[in-house]
Amino acid sequence: MFLLSHRNIDLCTVDGAETFSLLRDFVGEVPDRFCEGSYFEALVKDGKIALPATHRDRDVTDAGEAGAKALADNLKKTRKGKD
């Protein structure tokens, strides 16, 4: 799967047998077996991982900006609750 990472993340297979490390600002292919499960889905939902529609630069940029906005919005919500 082609993705963009906004954080340093360690992905693992569902059974936990293998891990795959992503560095911050990583853009590239990740084997599909690491892109399964609720942890990966939560990372996408939080904006820590963005999934561009294609490999085109514009699509990667758009996905990265959308992911960064989602990440910032989630951070604001988290901090707001701790006042």
PDB file of N, CA and C in Angstrom:
ATOM      1  N   MET A   1       0.842  -1.160   0.000  1.00  0.00           N
ATOM      2  CA  MET A   1       0.000   0.000   0.000  1.00  0.00           C
ATOM      3  C   MET A   1       0.894   1.233   0.000  1.00  0.00           C
ATOM      4  N   PHE A   2       0.500   2.219  -0.763  1.00  0.00           N
ATOM      5  CA  PHE A   2       1.239   3.472  -0.866  1.00  0.00           C
ATOM      6  C   PHE A   2       0.712   4.429   0.204  1.00  0.00           C
ATOM      7  N   LEU A   3       1.622   4.974   1.037  1.00  0.00           N
ATOM      8  CA  LEU A   3       1.165   5.839   2.120  1.00  0.00           C
ATOM      9  C   LEU A   3       2.190   6.905   2.460  1.00  0.00           C
ATOM     10  N   LEU A   4       1.757   7.831   3.299  1.00  0.00           N
ATOM     11  CA  LEU A   4       2.584   8.927   3.790  1.00  0.00           C
ATOM     12  C   LEU A   4       2.462   8.928   5.314  1.00  0.00           C
ATOM     13  N   SER A   5       3.594   8.941   6.000  1.00  0.00           N
ATOM     14  CA  SER A   5       3.601   8.913   7.453  1.00  0.00           C
ATOM     15  C   SER A   5       3.979  10.284   8.007  1.00  0.00           C
ATOM     16  N   HIS A   6       3.179  10.783   8.963  1.00  0.00           N
ATOM     17  CA  HIS A   6       3.465  12.065   9.601  1.00  0.00           C
ATOM     18  C   HIS A   6       4.229  11.902  10.915  1.00  0.00           C
ATOM     19  N   ARG A   7       4.429  10.676  11.351  1.00  0.00           N
ATOM     20  CA  ARG A   7       5.111  10.384  12.607  1.00  0.00           C
ATOM     21  C   ARG A   7       6.033   9.182  12.443  1.00  0.00           C
ATOM     22  N   ASN A   8       6.915   8.971  13.390  1.00  0.00           N
ATOM     23  CA  ASN A   8       7.684   7.726  13.458  1.00  0.00           C
ATOM     24  C   ASN A   8       6.739   6.663  14.007  1.00  0.00           C
ATOM     25  N   ILE A   9       6.539   5.593  13.255  1.00  0.00           N
ATOM     26  CA  ILE A   9       5.550   4.576  13.621  1.00  0.00           C
ATOM     27  C   ILE A   9       6.133   3.196  13.359  1.00  0.00           C
ATOM     28  N   ASP A  10       5.857   2.277  14.255  1.00  0.00           N
ATOM     29  CA  ASP A  10       6.182   0.871  14.051  1.00  0.00           C
ATOM     30  C   ASP A  10       4.883   0.123  13.783  1.00  0.00           C
ATOM     31  N   LEU A  11       4.767  -0.441  12.597  1.00  0.00           N
ATOM     32  CA  LEU A  11       3.601  -1.247  12.237  1.00  0.00           C
ATOM     33  C   LEU A  11       3.960  -2.715  12.423  1.00  0.00           C
ATOM     34  N   CYS A  12       2.988  -3.512  12.757  1.00  0.00           N
ATOM     35  CA  CYS A  12       3.235  -4.949  12.846  1.00  0.00           C
ATOM     36  C   CYS A  12       2.097  -5.698  12.177  1.00  0.00           C
ATOM     37  N   THR A  13       2.373  -6.935  11.843  1.00  0.00           N
ATOM     38  CA  THR A  13       1.339  -7.771  11.260  1.00  0.00           C
ATOM     39  C   THR A  13       0.304  -8.085  12.344  1.00  0.00           C
ATOM     40  N   VAL A  14      -0.856  -8.563  11.924  1.00  0.00           N
ATOM     41  CA  VAL A  14      -1.934  -8.848  12.865  1.00  0.00           C
ATOM     42  C   VAL A  14      -1.497  -9.854  13.923  1.00  0.00           C
ATOM     43  N   ASP A  15      -0.701 -10.830  13.533  1.00  0.00           N
ATOM     44  CA  ASP A  15      -0.241 -11.840  14.501  1.00  0.00           C
ATOM     45  C   ASP A  15       0.987 -11.383  15.296  1.00  0.00           C
ATOM     46  N   GLY A  16       1.550 -10.212  14.963  1.00  0.00           N
ATOM     47  CA  GLY A  16       2.692  -9.666  15.687  1.00  0.00           C
ATOM     48  C   GLY A  16       4.033 -10.294  15.353  1.00  0.00           C
ATOM     49  N   ALA A  17       4.082 -11.114  14.310  1.00  0.00           N
ATOM     50  CA  ALA A  17       5.311 -11.823  13.967  1.00  0.00           C
ATOM     51  C   ALA A  17       6.354 -10.928  13.286  1.00  0.00           C
ATOM     52  N   GLU A  18       5.913  -9.894  12.565  1.00  0.00           N
ATOM     53  CA  GLU A  18       6.833  -9.019  11.832  1.00  0.00           C
ATOM     54  C   GLU A  18       6.516  -7.564  12.143  1.00  0.00           C
ATOM     55  N   THR A  19       7.535  -6.712  12.067  1.00  0.00           N
ATOM     56  CA  THR A  19       7.329  -5.276  12.238  1.00  0.00           C
ATOM     57  C   THR A  19       7.920  -4.531  11.048  1.00  0.00           C
ATOM     58  N   PHE A  20       7.407  -3.339  10.821  1.00  0.00           N
ATOM     59  CA  PHE A  20       7.866  -2.469   9.749  1.00  0.00           C
ATOM     60  C   PHE A  20       7.906  -1.061  10.323  1.00  0.00           C
ATOM     61  N   SER A  21       9.075  -0.427  10.331  1.00  0.00           N
ATOM     62  CA  SER A  21       9.230   0.910  10.893  1.00  0.00           C
ATOM     63  C   SER A  21       9.094   1.971   9.816  1.00  0.00           C
ATOM     64  N   LEU A  22       8.306   2.990  10.127  1.00  0.00           N
ATOM     65  CA  LEU A  22       8.131   4.146   9.251  1.00  0.00           C
ATOM     66  C   LEU A  22       8.752   5.353   9.936  1.00  0.00           C
ATOM     67  N   LEU A  23       9.571   6.080   9.232  1.00  0.00           N
ATOM     68  CA  LEU A  23      10.119   7.319   9.751  1.00  0.00           C
ATOM     69  C   LEU A  23       9.180   8.461   9.412  1.00  0.00           C
ATOM     70  N   ARG A  24       9.281   9.516  10.168  1.00  0.00           N
ATOM     71  CA  ARG A  24       8.474  10.705   9.904  1.00  0.00           C
ATOM     72  C   ARG A  24       8.707  11.178   8.470  1.00  0.00           C
ATOM     73  N   ASP A  25       7.638  11.562   7.793  1.00  0.00           N
ATOM     74  CA  ASP A  25       7.655  12.043   6.405  1.00  0.00           C
ATOM     75  C   ASP A  25       7.995  10.951   5.389  1.00  0.00           C
ATOM     76  N   PHE A  26       7.859   9.692   5.775  1.00  0.00           N
ATOM     77  CA  PHE A  26       8.047   8.584   4.838  1.00  0.00           C
ATOM     78  C   PHE A  26       6.942   8.631   3.783  1.00  0.00           C
ATOM     79  N   VAL A  27       7.326   8.471   2.534  1.00  0.00           N
ATOM     80  CA  VAL A  27       6.374   8.349   1.426  1.00  0.00           C
ATOM     81  C   VAL A  27       6.810   7.140   0.613  1.00  0.00           C
ATOM     82  N   GLY A  28       5.934   6.156   0.494  1.00  0.00           N
ATOM     83  CA  GLY A  28       6.291   4.981  -0.283  1.00  0.00           C
ATOM     84  C   GLY A  28       5.384   3.800  -0.042  1.00  0.00           C
ATOM     85  N   GLU A  29       5.827   2.680  -0.560  1.00  0.00           N
ATOM     86  CA  GLU A  29       5.065   1.436  -0.487  1.00  0.00           C
ATOM     87  C   GLU A  29       5.362   0.686   0.809  1.00  0.00           C
ATOM     88  N   VAL A  30       4.311   0.147   1.388  1.00  0.00           N
ATOM     89  CA  VAL A  30       4.409  -0.705   2.579  1.00  0.00           C
ATOM     90  C   VAL A  30       3.668  -1.990   2.254  1.00  0.00           C
ATOM     91  N   PRO A  31       4.230  -3.138   2.565  1.00  0.00           N
ATOM     92  CA  PRO A  31       3.522  -4.396   2.291  1.00  0.00           C
ATOM     93  C   PRO A  31       2.131  -4.412   2.952  1.00  0.00           C
ATOM     94  N   ASP A  32       1.153  -4.918   2.233  1.00  0.00           N
ATOM     95  CA  ASP A  32      -0.237  -4.909   2.697  1.00  0.00           C
ATOM     96  C   ASP A  32      -0.428  -5.607   4.032  1.00  0.00           C
ATOM     97  N   ARG A  33       0.391  -6.580   4.357  1.00  0.00           N
ATOM     98  CA  ARG A  33       0.204  -7.311   5.610  1.00  0.00           C
ATOM     99  C   ARG A  33       0.408  -6.417   6.839  1.00  0.00           C
ATOM    100  N   PHE A  34       1.081  -5.274   6.681  1.00  0.00           N
ATOM    101  CA  PHE A  34       1.265  -4.342   7.780  1.00  0.00           C
ATOM    102  C   PHE A  34       0.150  -3.302   7.855  1.00  0.00           C
ATOM    103  N   CYS A  35      -0.731  -3.297   6.865  1.00  0.00           N
ATOM    104  CA  CYS A  35      -1.795  -2.298   6.768  1.00  0.00           C
ATOM    105  C   CYS A  35      -3.160  -2.886   7.087  1.00  0.00           C
ATOM    106  N   GLU A  36      -3.180  -3.800   8.016  1.00  0.00           N
ATOM    107  CA  GLU A  36      -4.416  -4.446   8.419  1.00  0.00           C
ATOM    108  C   GLU A  36      -4.601  -4.258   9.912  1.00  0.00           C
ATOM    109  N   GLY A  37      -5.810  -4.293  10.361  1.00  0.00           N
ATOM    110  CA  GLY A  37      -6.080  -4.247  11.789  1.00  0.00           C
ATOM    111  C   GLY A  37      -6.537  -2.885  12.282  1.00  0.00           C
ATOM    112  N   SER A  38      -7.000  -2.881  13.508  1.00  0.00           N
ATOM    113  CA  SER A  38      -7.574  -1.676  14.103  1.00  0.00           C
ATOM    114  C   SER A  38      -6.515  -0.602  14.392  1.00  0.00           C
ATOM    115  N   TYR A  39      -5.280  -1.005  14.706  1.00  0.00           N
ATOM    116  CA  TYR A  39      -4.228  -0.025  14.968  1.00  0.00           C
ATOM    117  C   TYR A  39      -3.947   0.814  13.717  1.00  0.00           C
ATOM    118  N   PHE A  40      -3.813   0.165  12.569  1.00  0.00           N
ATOM    119  CA  PHE A  40      -3.563   0.885  11.326  1.00  0.00           C
ATOM    120  C   PHE A  40      -4.742   1.805  11.007  1.00  0.00           C
ATOM    121  N   GLU A  41      -5.956   1.315  11.176  1.00  0.00           N
ATOM    122  CA  GLU A  41      -7.147   2.119  10.909  1.00  0.00           C
ATOM    123  C   GLU A  41      -7.186   3.351  11.810  1.00  0.00           C
ATOM    124  N   ALA A  42      -6.797   3.194  13.073  1.00  0.00           N
ATOM    125  CA  ALA A  42      -6.770   4.322  14.003  1.00  0.00           C
ATOM    126  C   ALA A  42      -5.713   5.348  13.591  1.00  0.00           C
ATOM    127  N   LEU A  43      -4.569   4.890  13.122  1.00  0.00           N
ATOM    128  CA  LEU A  43      -3.524   5.809  12.653  1.00  0.00           C
ATOM    129  C   LEU A  43      -4.003   6.632  11.463  1.00  0.00           C
ATOM    130  N   VAL A  44      -4.727   6.008  10.569  1.00  0.00           N
ATOM    131  CA  VAL A  44      -5.276   6.724   9.405  1.00  0.00           C
ATOM    132  C   VAL A  44      -6.329   7.721   9.868  1.00  0.00           C
ATOM    133  N   LYS A  45      -7.209   7.287  10.741  1.00  0.00           N
ATOM    134  CA  LYS A  45      -8.285   8.157  11.237  1.00  0.00           C
ATOM    135  C   LYS A  45      -7.721   9.376  11.963  1.00  0.00           C
ATOM    136  N   ASP A  46      -6.670   9.180  12.751  1.00  0.00           N
ATOM    137  CA  ASP A  46      -6.044  10.276  13.492  1.00  0.00           C
ATOM    138  C   ASP A  46      -5.218  11.203  12.609  1.00  0.00           C
ATOM    139  N   GLY A  47      -4.926  10.788  11.383  1.00  0.00           N
ATOM    140  CA  GLY A  47      -4.134  11.612  10.485  1.00  0.00           C
ATOM    141  C   GLY A  47      -2.639  11.368  10.588  1.00  0.00           C
ATOM    142  N   LYS A  48      -2.233  10.377  11.357  1.00  0.00           N
ATOM    143  CA  LYS A  48      -0.807  10.074  11.486  1.00  0.00           C
ATOM    144  C   LYS A  48      -0.276   9.373  10.244  1.00  0.00           C
ATOM    145  N   ILE A  49      -1.180   8.718   9.519  1.00  0.00           N
ATOM    146  CA  ILE A  49      -0.859   8.107   8.230  1.00  0.00           C
ATOM    147  C   ILE A  49      -1.877   8.611   7.220  1.00  0.00           C
ATOM    148  N   ALA A  50      -1.394   9.043   6.059  1.00  0.00           N
ATOM    149  CA  ALA A  50      -2.267   9.494   4.978  1.00  0.00           C
ATOM    150  C   ALA A  50      -2.180   8.504   3.823  1.00  0.00           C
ATOM    151  N   LEU A  51      -3.310   8.300   3.161  1.00  0.00           N
ATOM    152  CA  LEU A  51      -3.375   7.360   2.040  1.00  0.00           C
ATOM    153  C   LEU A  51      -3.702   8.125   0.762  1.00  0.00           C
ATOM    154  N   PRO A  52      -2.677   8.512  -0.011  1.00  0.00           N
ATOM    155  CA  PRO A  52      -2.914   9.213  -1.265  1.00  0.00           C
ATOM    156  C   PRO A  52      -3.676   8.325  -2.260  1.00  0.00           C
ATOM    157  N   ALA A  53      -4.506   8.955  -3.085  1.00  0.00           N
ATOM    158  CA  ALA A  53      -5.289   8.215  -4.073  1.00  0.00           C
ATOM    159  C   ALA A  53      -4.397   7.582  -5.138  1.00  0.00           C
ATOM    160  N   THR A  54      -3.335   8.279  -5.519  1.00  0.00           N
ATOM    161  CA  THR A  54      -2.404   7.774  -6.529  1.00  0.00           C
ATOM    162  C   THR A  54      -0.981   8.163  -6.120  1.00  0.00           C
ATOM    163  N   HIS A  55      -0.021   7.821  -6.961  1.00  0.00           N
ATOM    164  CA  HIS A  55       1.379   8.177  -6.722  1.00  0.00           C
ATOM    165  C   HIS A  55       1.715   9.581  -7.240  1.00  0.00           C
ATOM    166  N   ARG A  56       0.756  10.252  -7.849  1.00  0.00           N
ATOM    167  CA  ARG A  56       1.013  11.587  -8.399  1.00  0.00           C
ATOM    168  C   ARG A  56       1.351  12.565  -7.283  1.00  0.00           C
ATOM    169  N   ASP A  57       2.253  13.486  -7.563  1.00  0.00           N
ATOM    170  CA  ASP A  57       2.700  14.457  -6.569  1.00  0.00           C
ATOM    171  C   ASP A  57       1.534  15.238  -5.969  1.00  0.00           C
ATOM    172  N   ARG A  58       0.606  15.652  -6.808  1.00  0.00           N
ATOM    173  CA  ARG A  58      -0.528  16.450  -6.319  1.00  0.00           C
ATOM    174  C   ARG A  58      -1.383  15.645  -5.336  1.00  0.00           C
ATOM    175  N   ASP A  59      -1.629  14.387  -5.630  1.00  0.00           N
ATOM    176  CA  ASP A  59      -2.423  13.547  -4.744  1.00  0.00           C
ATOM    177  C   ASP A  59      -1.698  13.298  -3.424  1.00  0.00           C
ATOM    178  N   VAL A  60      -0.391  13.118  -3.481  1.00  0.00           N
ATOM    179  CA  VAL A  60       0.398  12.924  -2.259  1.00  0.00           C
ATOM    180  C   VAL A  60       0.362  14.194  -1.417  1.00  0.00           C
ATOM    181  N   THR A  61       0.512  15.341  -2.047  1.00  0.00           N
ATOM    182  CA  THR A  61       0.459  16.619  -1.339  1.00  0.00           C
ATOM    183  C   THR A  61      -0.905  16.824  -0.699  1.00  0.00           C
ATOM    184  N   ASP A  62      -1.971  16.579  -1.442  1.00  0.00           N
ATOM    185  CA  ASP A  62      -3.327  16.749  -0.913  1.00  0.00           C
ATOM    186  C   ASP A  62      -3.577  15.832   0.277  1.00  0.00           C
ATOM    187  N   ALA A  63      -3.177  14.581   0.159  1.00  0.00           N
ATOM    188  CA  ALA A  63      -3.368  13.626   1.252  1.00  0.00           C
ATOM    189  C   ALA A  63      -2.538  14.024   2.468  1.00  0.00           C
ATOM    190  N   GLY A  64      -1.335  14.497   2.224  1.00  0.00           N
ATOM    191  CA  GLY A  64      -0.475  14.934   3.323  1.00  0.00           C
ATOM    192  C   GLY A  64      -1.048  16.126   4.057  1.00  0.00           C
ATOM    193  N   GLU A  65      -1.587  17.085   3.314  1.00  0.00           N
ATOM    194  CA  GLU A  65      -2.190  18.261   3.937  1.00  0.00           C
ATOM    195  C   GLU A  65      -3.447  17.888   4.716  1.00  0.00           C
ATOM    196  N   ALA A  66      -4.259  17.009   4.154  1.00  0.00           N
ATOM    197  CA  ALA A  66      -5.481  16.565   4.844  1.00  0.00           C
ATOM    198  C   ALA A  66      -5.125  15.799   6.116  1.00  0.00           C
ATOM    199  N   GLY A  67      -4.109  14.951   6.040  1.00  0.00           N
ATOM    200  CA  GLY A  67      -3.671  14.206   7.217  1.00  0.00           C
ATOM    201  C   GLY A  67      -3.101  15.115   8.294  1.00  0.00           C
ATOM    202  N   ALA A  68      -2.328  16.108   7.888  1.00  0.00           N
ATOM    203  CA  ALA A  68      -1.748  17.048   8.848  1.00  0.00           C
ATOM    204  C   ALA A  68      -2.845  17.866   9.529  1.00  0.00           C
ATOM    205  N   LYS A  69      -3.880  18.242   8.772  1.00  0.00           N
ATOM    206  CA  LYS A  69      -5.002  18.982   9.354  1.00  0.00           C
ATOM    207  C   LYS A  69      -5.762  18.113  10.349  1.00  0.00           C
ATOM    208  N   ALA A  70      -6.019  16.859   9.992  1.00  0.00           N
ATOM    209  CA  ALA A  70      -6.720  15.945  10.905  1.00  0.00           C
ATOM    210  C   ALA A  70      -5.902  15.733  12.177  1.00  0.00           C
ATOM    211  N   LEU A  71      -4.602  15.605  12.035  1.00  0.00           N
ATOM    212  CA  LEU A  71      -3.719  15.416  13.183  1.00  0.00           C
ATOM    213  C   LEU A  71      -3.757  16.638  14.098  1.00  0.00           C
ATOM    214  N   ALA A  72      -3.701  17.826  13.517  1.00  0.00           N
ATOM    215  CA  ALA A  72      -3.756  19.061  14.306  1.00  0.00           C
ATOM    216  C   ALA A  72      -5.106  19.206  15.005  1.00  0.00           C
ATOM    217  N   ASP A  73      -6.202  18.885  14.308  1.00  0.00           N
ATOM    218  CA  ASP A  73      -7.531  18.962  14.906  1.00  0.00           C
ATOM    219  C   ASP A  73      -7.671  17.991  16.075  1.00  0.00           C
ATOM    220  N   ASN A  74      -7.172  16.780  15.916  1.00  0.00           N
ATOM    221  CA  ASN A  74      -7.234  15.801  17.001  1.00  0.00           C
ATOM    222  C   ASN A  74      -6.395  16.232  18.190  1.00  0.00           C
ATOM    223  N   LEU A  75      -5.265  16.857  17.923  1.00  0.00           N
ATOM    224  CA  LEU A  75      -4.406  17.343  19.002  1.00  0.00           C
ATOM    225  C   LEU A  75      -5.101  18.459  19.778  1.00  0.00           C
ATOM    226  N   LYS A  76      -5.791  19.359  19.069  1.00  0.00           N
ATOM    227  CA  LYS A  76      -6.528  20.439  19.728  1.00  0.00           C
ATOM    228  C   LYS A  76      -7.618  19.872  20.626  1.00  0.00           C
ATOM    229  N   LYS A  77      -8.346  18.865  20.123  1.00  0.00           N
ATOM    230  CA  LYS A  77      -9.415  18.246  20.924  1.00  0.00           C
ATOM    231  C   LYS A  77      -8.842  17.600  22.176  1.00  0.00           C
ATOM    232  N   THR A  78      -7.707  16.942  22.045  1.00  0.00           N
ATOM    233  CA  THR A  78      -7.082  16.274  23.186  1.00  0.00           C
ATOM    234  C   THR A  78      -6.621  17.298  24.222  1.00  0.00           C
ATOM    235  N   ARG A  79      -5.991  18.352  23.787  1.00  0.00           N
ATOM    236  CA  ARG A  79      -5.497  19.369  24.715  1.00  0.00           C
ATOM    237  C   ARG A  79      -6.628  20.159  25.342  1.00  0.00           C
ATOM    238  N   LYS A  80      -7.696  20.385  24.598  1.00  0.00           N
ATOM    239  CA  LYS A  80      -8.825  21.151  25.094  1.00  0.00           C
ATOM    240  C   LYS A  80      -9.454  20.477  26.310  1.00  0.00           C
ATOM    241  N   GLY A  81      -9.510  19.166  26.300  1.00  0.00           N
ATOM    242  CA  GLY A  81     -10.126  18.416  27.384  1.00  0.00           C
ATOM    243  C   GLY A  81      -9.298  18.408  28.660  1.00  0.00           C
ATOM    244  N   LYS A  82      -8.036  18.841  28.612  1.00  0.00           N
ATOM    245  CA  LYS A  82      -7.150  18.771  29.785  1.00  0.00           C
ATOM    246  C   LYS A  82      -6.999  20.116  30.486  1.00  0.00           C
ATOM    247  N   ASP A  83      -7.807  21.108  30.155  1.00  0.00           N
ATOM    248  CA  ASP A  83      -7.697  22.425  30.802  1.00  0.00           C
ATOM    249  C   ASP A  83      -8.154  22.390  32.228  1.00  0.00           C
TER     250      ASP A  83
END
